[in-house]
Amino acid sequence: MVSGVLKLAEGWKYDAVSIGYPGRVRNNRPVSEPINLGRGWVKFDFEKAFGVPVNVMNDAAMQALGSYQGGKMLFLGLGTGLGTALIMDGSIMPMEIQHLPYKQGTYEEYLGLSGLKRLGIRKWRACVREVITRFITALELDDVVIGGGNVNKLDKLPPGCGVGDNALAFRGGLLLWEKKRQRKRKKHVSRKDAKSQRKT
């Protein structure tokens, strides 16, 4: 993947890289191999490979960040699998709802590509609407953004839902660095306040 990106970006000038990773991320690193892609992600040194600072974030969370307008928002990515992320008052919470039990399997097995192939388009659409309606009620959501490659297979959206755009993941990748700078500034201010209190 990295060699392909470096080839495509040959001649570009960039100071940092954001990676949307289809799996669990902790402390800026993948913590488990992706279910729907090849292995080798967990121990890979991305910063060494790209030669610049790298931020790694769950891919659904990255698109959710780029889509966020305020309040409590759930992002659902309908693709090969099911990506989920919740944002509340600007705080991002990547989720693993897709692996929770649902009917005779998991949410991902019904709303992902395998569910679409198994159920057929009509039953799959009904299943998507049912699940989203449940989530809206259970999580008391203000907004739901549905993205991913299979969102265009929905004939209509449940009330309170909007269609995401993959391009918003790029915006999320930029905002990720801004949030990181904000956290650093807050830590710096907190240290200065603590030092001044000790002096007084």
Protein backbone atom coordinates (compact mmCIF):
# COMPACT_ATOMS: atom_id res chain seq x y z
CA MET A 1 0.00 0.00 0.00
CA VAL A 2 2.72 2.47 1.02
CA SER A 3 4.78 1.85 -2.12
CA GLY A 4 1.69 2.50 -4.24
CA VAL A 5 0.94 5.75 -2.40
CA LEU A 6 4.55 6.92 -2.69
CA LYS A 7 4.49 6.24 -6.42
CA LEU A 8 1.22 8.16 -6.88
CA ALA A 9 2.52 11.06 -4.75
CA GLU A 10 5.90 11.25 -6.48
CA GLY A 11 6.88 14.91 -6.84
CA TRP A 12 4.37 16.11 -4.24
CA LYS A 13 5.47 18.25 -1.31
CA TYR A 14 3.88 17.24 2.00
CA ASP A 15 4.79 17.58 5.67
CA ALA A 16 2.51 14.95 7.20
CA VAL A 17 0.32 11.97 6.33
CA SER A 18 -3.11 10.90 7.64
CA ILE A 19 -4.13 7.25 7.28
CA GLY A 20 -7.72 6.01 7.56
CA TYR A 21 -7.36 2.44 8.80
CA PRO A 22 -10.20 -0.14 8.49
CA GLY A 23 -9.84 -1.54 11.99
CA ARG A 24 -9.11 -0.71 15.61
CA VAL A 25 -6.55 2.02 16.34
CA ARG A 26 -4.99 2.92 19.68
CA ASN A 27 -2.16 5.34 20.45
CA ASN A 28 -1.83 6.19 16.77
CA ARG A 29 -1.26 2.56 15.73
CA PRO A 30 -3.43 -0.29 14.41
CA VAL A 31 -4.01 -2.78 17.23
CA SER A 32 -5.47 -5.59 15.12
CA GLU A 33 -5.16 -6.70 11.51
CA PRO A 34 -8.06 -5.69 9.24
CA ILE A 35 -10.68 -8.35 8.57
CA ASN A 36 -11.19 -7.48 4.89
CA LEU A 37 -7.59 -6.69 3.84
CA GLY A 38 -4.18 -8.35 3.85
CA ARG A 39 -2.03 -8.59 6.98
CA GLY A 40 1.09 -6.68 8.01
CA TRP A 41 -0.41 -3.41 9.29
CA VAL A 42 0.03 -3.73 13.06
CA LYS A 43 3.83 -3.70 13.28
CA PHE A 44 4.48 -1.55 10.22
CA ASP A 45 6.46 1.67 10.76
CA PHE A 46 4.49 4.19 8.68
CA GLU A 47 6.55 7.23 9.72
CA LYS A 48 9.77 5.53 8.63
CA ALA A 49 8.19 4.52 5.31
CA PHE A 50 6.79 7.99 4.50
CA GLY A 51 9.61 9.99 6.11
CA VAL A 52 7.16 12.44 7.74
CA PRO A 53 4.91 12.45 10.84
CA VAL A 54 1.90 10.14 10.43
CA ASN A 55 -1.50 10.11 12.14
CA VAL A 56 -3.46 6.86 11.99
CA MET A 57 -7.20 6.86 12.65
CA ASN A 58 -10.05 4.43 12.09
CA ASP A 59 -11.33 5.11 8.57
CA ALA A 60 -14.98 5.46 9.61
CA ALA A 61 -13.95 7.89 12.36
CA MET A 62 -11.95 9.94 9.85
CA GLN A 63 -14.91 10.31 7.48
CA ALA A 64 -17.18 11.00 10.47
CA LEU A 65 -14.87 13.81 11.57
CA GLY A 66 -15.00 15.33 8.10
CA SER A 67 -18.80 15.06 8.01
CA TYR A 68 -19.50 16.42 11.48
CA GLN A 69 -21.69 19.52 11.87
CA GLY A 70 -22.49 19.42 15.59
CA GLY A 71 -24.46 17.61 18.30
CA LYS A 72 -24.41 13.82 18.55
CA MET A 73 -23.74 12.20 15.18
CA LEU A 74 -23.39 8.57 14.14
CA PHE A 75 -21.49 7.64 10.98
CA LEU A 76 -22.19 4.33 9.26
CA GLY A 77 -20.02 3.17 6.37
CA LEU A 78 -21.80 0.60 4.18
CA GLY A 79 -19.06 -1.18 2.26
CA THR A 80 -17.37 -4.57 2.27
CA GLY A 81 -17.95 -4.49 6.01
CA LEU A 82 -19.65 -1.94 8.25
CA GLY A 83 -17.76 1.04 9.66
CA THR A 84 -19.13 2.90 12.67
CA ALA A 85 -18.12 6.01 14.60
CA LEU A 86 -19.88 8.34 17.01
CA ILE A 87 -19.08 12.03 17.54
CA MET A 88 -20.54 13.87 20.51
CA ASP A 89 -19.85 17.56 21.13
CA GLY A 90 -16.75 17.32 18.94
CA SER A 91 -15.26 14.25 20.66
CA ILE A 92 -14.67 11.28 18.34
CA MET A 93 -15.50 7.77 19.53
CA PRO A 94 -14.61 5.03 17.05
CA MET A 95 -16.94 2.09 17.67
CA GLU A 96 -17.13 -1.62 16.99
CA ILE A 97 -20.94 -1.84 16.83
CA GLN A 98 -20.59 -3.86 13.66
CA HIS A 99 -19.34 -6.89 15.60
CA LEU A 100 -22.19 -6.93 18.14
CA PRO A 101 -24.77 -9.74 17.87
CA TYR A 102 -27.74 -9.08 15.60
CA LYS A 103 -30.36 -11.69 14.65
CA GLN A 104 -28.42 -14.82 13.59
CA GLY A 105 -25.07 -13.08 13.21
CA THR A 106 -23.64 -9.58 13.65
CA TYR A 107 -24.62 -6.15 12.34
CA GLU A 108 -21.77 -6.35 9.84
CA GLU A 109 -22.94 -9.71 8.52
CA TYR A 110 -26.33 -8.18 7.73
CA LEU A 111 -25.43 -4.62 6.64
CA GLY A 112 -22.09 -5.39 4.96
CA LEU A 113 -21.56 -6.73 1.45
CA SER A 114 -22.05 -10.36 2.50
CA GLY A 115 -25.47 -9.42 3.89
CA LEU A 116 -26.42 -7.63 0.68
CA LYS A 117 -25.50 -10.70 -1.39
CA ARG A 118 -27.26 -13.12 0.94
CA LEU A 119 -30.46 -11.14 1.59
CA GLY A 120 -30.95 -9.49 -1.78
CA ILE A 121 -31.41 -5.78 -2.33
CA ARG A 122 -34.96 -5.39 -0.94
CA LYS A 123 -34.43 -7.25 2.34
CA TRP A 124 -31.01 -5.61 2.77
CA ARG A 125 -32.52 -2.12 2.39
CA ALA A 126 -35.23 -2.96 4.93
CA CYS A 127 -32.58 -4.28 7.31
CA VAL A 128 -30.50 -1.10 6.98
CA ARG A 129 -33.54 1.07 7.73
CA GLU A 130 -34.51 -1.06 10.73
CA VAL A 131 -31.02 -0.98 12.25
CA ILE A 132 -30.57 2.77 11.76
CA THR A 133 -33.96 3.46 13.34
CA ARG A 134 -32.89 1.37 16.34
CA PHE A 135 -29.61 3.26 16.65
CA ILE A 136 -31.32 6.66 16.46
CA THR A 137 -33.62 5.72 19.34
CA ALA A 138 -31.04 3.89 21.48
CA LEU A 139 -28.28 6.52 21.15
CA GLU A 140 -30.58 9.58 21.07
CA LEU A 141 -28.86 10.86 17.93
CA ASP A 142 -29.14 14.31 16.38
CA ASP A 143 -27.76 13.21 13.03
CA VAL A 144 -26.81 10.10 11.07
CA VAL A 145 -24.43 10.18 8.11
CA ILE A 146 -24.37 7.11 5.87
CA GLY A 147 -21.32 6.63 3.66
CA GLY A 148 -19.38 3.83 2.04
CA GLY A 149 -19.53 2.29 -1.40
CA ASN A 150 -22.98 0.76 -0.96
CA VAL A 151 -24.86 3.85 0.23
CA ASN A 152 -25.94 4.44 -3.38
CA LYS A 153 -27.82 1.12 -3.27
CA LEU A 154 -30.35 2.57 -0.80
CA ASP A 155 -33.56 3.72 -2.51
CA LYS A 156 -34.45 6.08 0.34
CA LEU A 157 -32.92 7.21 3.61
CA PRO A 158 -34.52 6.89 7.03
CA PRO A 159 -35.66 10.23 8.57
CA GLY A 160 -32.81 12.21 10.12
CA CYS A 161 -30.15 10.69 7.87
CA GLY A 162 -27.89 12.17 5.22
CA VAL A 163 -25.54 10.73 2.61
CA GLY A 164 -21.82 11.02 3.27
CA ASP A 165 -19.12 11.72 0.74
CA ASN A 166 -15.80 9.87 0.61
CA ALA A 167 -14.12 13.22 -0.11
CA LEU A 168 -15.01 14.26 3.45
CA ALA A 169 -12.45 11.73 4.70
CA PHE A 170 -9.77 14.09 3.32
CA ARG A 171 -11.26 16.91 5.40
CA GLY A 172 -11.25 14.57 8.40
CA GLY A 173 -7.57 13.82 7.80
CA LEU A 174 -6.77 17.55 7.91
CA LEU A 175 -8.93 18.17 10.99
CA LEU A 176 -7.15 15.31 12.74
CA TRP A 177 -3.92 17.32 12.74
CA GLU A 178 -5.75 20.45 13.91
CA LYS A 179 -7.24 18.55 16.85
CA LYS A 180 -3.79 17.23 17.72
CA ARG A 181 -2.38 20.79 17.76
CA GLN A 182 -5.28 21.92 19.97
CA ARG A 183 -4.57 19.14 22.48
CA LYS A 184 -0.88 20.11 22.59
CA ARG A 185 -1.78 23.76 23.19
CA LYS A 186 -4.16 22.78 26.02
CA LYS A 187 -1.45 20.63 27.66
CA HIS A 188 1.05 23.48 27.35
CA VAL A 189 -1.37 25.96 28.94
CA SER A 190 -2.20 23.48 31.72
CA ARG A 191 1.51 23.06 32.54
CA LYS A 192 2.03 26.83 32.62
CA ASP A 193 -0.98 27.26 34.94
CA ALA A 194 0.31 24.52 37.24
CA LYS A 195 3.76 26.13 37.42
CA SER A 196 2.28 29.57 38.20
CA GLN A 197 0.12 28.12 40.96
CA ARG A 198 3.15 26.45 42.54
CA LYS A 199 5.02 29.78 42.52
CA THR A 200 2.16 31.57 44.25
